[in-house]
């Protein structure tokens, strides 16, 4: 049986995905993966964290369904599972722009 789109369980699932994105390092990694597959070492350089921290962030995002991995010998490469997830960032930017605009109006 398929869940209704606005059922409590679906809101819970959506919240899990948003929570997995809710960290500056994870957002930076998702943004970097928009350019294509990256290994952990590449992502480590991008966020400036150690390999274990980056790996923990990637595990959170993998469990949420945001990224997928591919092993190549000792290397693990990550990619976005659903690239359109970055469209969400466009919406976030619109909210930020709107907030800035309202803040400017209140000052002036």
Protein backbone atom coordinates (compact mmCIF):
# COMPACT_ATOMS: atom_id res chain seq x y z
CA UNK A 1 0.00 0.00 0.00
CA UNK A 2 1.36 3.39 -1.00
CA UNK A 3 1.58 6.12 1.65
CA UNK A 4 -0.38 9.32 1.13
CA UNK A 5 1.90 12.15 0.05
CA UNK A 6 1.03 14.27 3.11
CA UNK A 7 1.03 11.47 5.64
CA UNK A 8 2.97 11.79 8.91
CA UNK A 9 5.41 9.08 7.78
CA UNK A 10 6.24 11.04 4.62
CA UNK A 11 6.82 14.22 6.63
CA UNK A 12 9.19 12.19 8.82
CA UNK A 13 11.08 10.93 5.75
CA UNK A 14 11.37 14.43 4.33
CA UNK A 15 12.65 15.77 7.64
CA UNK A 16 15.33 13.04 7.71
CA UNK A 17 16.61 14.18 4.31
CA UNK A 18 16.60 17.85 5.31
CA UNK A 19 18.39 17.03 8.57
CA UNK A 20 21.05 15.16 6.61
CA UNK A 21 21.67 18.32 4.61
CA UNK A 22 21.67 20.60 7.66
CA UNK A 23 25.41 21.06 8.16
CA UNK A 24 27.73 23.49 6.37
CA UNK A 25 30.24 20.74 5.50
CA UNK A 26 27.53 18.52 4.08
CA UNK A 27 26.14 21.37 1.99
CA UNK A 28 29.65 22.07 0.67
CA UNK A 29 30.11 18.41 -0.23
CA UNK A 30 26.74 18.23 -1.98
CA UNK A 31 27.63 21.36 -3.93
CA UNK A 32 31.00 19.86 -4.92
CA UNK A 33 29.35 16.62 -6.04
CA UNK A 34 27.23 18.61 -8.48
CA UNK A 35 30.36 18.72 -10.66
CA UNK A 36 30.57 14.92 -10.63
CA UNK A 37 31.94 12.04 -8.66
CA UNK A 38 34.56 12.79 -5.99
CA UNK A 39 36.70 10.63 -3.72
CA UNK A 40 36.81 11.16 0.03
CA UNK A 41 40.23 12.82 -0.29
CA UNK A 42 38.79 15.45 -2.67
CA UNK A 43 35.89 16.16 -0.32
CA UNK A 44 38.28 16.35 2.64
CA UNK A 45 40.17 19.15 0.92
CA UNK A 46 36.96 20.99 0.09
CA UNK A 47 35.62 21.05 3.65
CA UNK A 48 38.98 21.15 5.45
CA UNK A 49 38.22 18.27 7.79
CA UNK A 50 39.94 14.98 8.50
CA UNK A 51 39.01 11.82 6.61
CA UNK A 52 37.05 10.29 9.49
CA UNK A 53 34.88 13.41 9.89
CA UNK A 54 34.20 13.57 6.15
CA UNK A 55 33.37 9.85 6.14
CA UNK A 56 30.87 10.34 8.97
CA UNK A 57 29.18 13.17 7.09
CA UNK A 58 29.03 11.03 3.96
CA UNK A 59 27.48 8.15 5.91
CA UNK A 60 24.72 10.45 7.18
CA UNK A 61 24.02 11.60 3.63
CA UNK A 62 24.20 8.06 2.26
CA UNK A 63 21.69 6.79 4.83
CA UNK A 64 19.36 9.64 3.88
CA UNK A 65 19.63 8.68 0.21
CA UNK A 66 21.44 11.84 -0.90
CA UNK A 67 24.66 10.21 -2.09
CA UNK A 68 25.80 6.86 -3.42
CA UNK A 69 29.26 5.37 -3.38
CA UNK A 70 31.40 3.28 -5.67
CA UNK A 71 34.51 1.41 -4.57
CA UNK A 72 37.55 1.35 -6.80
CA UNK A 73 40.27 -0.64 -5.05
CA UNK A 74 41.09 1.24 -1.87
CA UNK A 75 39.29 4.37 -3.06
CA UNK A 76 35.65 5.20 -2.46
CA UNK A 77 34.02 7.65 -4.84
CA UNK A 78 30.78 9.46 -4.07
CA UNK A 79 28.14 10.97 -6.33
CA UNK A 80 24.74 12.59 -5.92
CA UNK A 81 21.98 10.00 -6.16
CA UNK A 82 19.43 12.58 -7.26
CA UNK A 83 21.11 15.75 -8.56
CA UNK A 84 17.87 17.73 -8.40
CA UNK A 85 18.31 17.85 -4.60
CA UNK A 86 20.44 20.91 -5.32
CA UNK A 87 17.31 22.65 -6.64
CA UNK A 88 16.38 22.92 -2.98
CA UNK A 89 19.35 25.27 -2.55
CA UNK A 90 17.86 27.58 -5.18
CA UNK A 91 14.76 27.80 -3.04
CA UNK A 92 16.85 28.43 0.09
CA UNK A 93 18.64 31.27 -1.73
CA UNK A 94 15.27 32.78 -2.66
CA UNK A 95 14.28 32.76 1.01
CA UNK A 96 17.59 34.40 1.93
CA UNK A 97 17.15 37.05 -0.77
CA UNK A 98 13.61 37.77 0.42
CA UNK A 99 14.83 38.06 4.02
CA UNK A 100 17.61 40.44 3.00
CA UNK A 101 15.17 42.55 1.02
CA UNK A 102 12.78 42.84 3.97
CA UNK A 103 15.66 43.68 6.33
CA UNK A 104 16.78 46.46 3.98
CA UNK A 105 13.25 47.85 3.79
CA UNK A 106 12.97 48.01 7.58
CA UNK A 107 16.26 49.91 7.87
CA UNK A 108 15.52 52.40 5.08
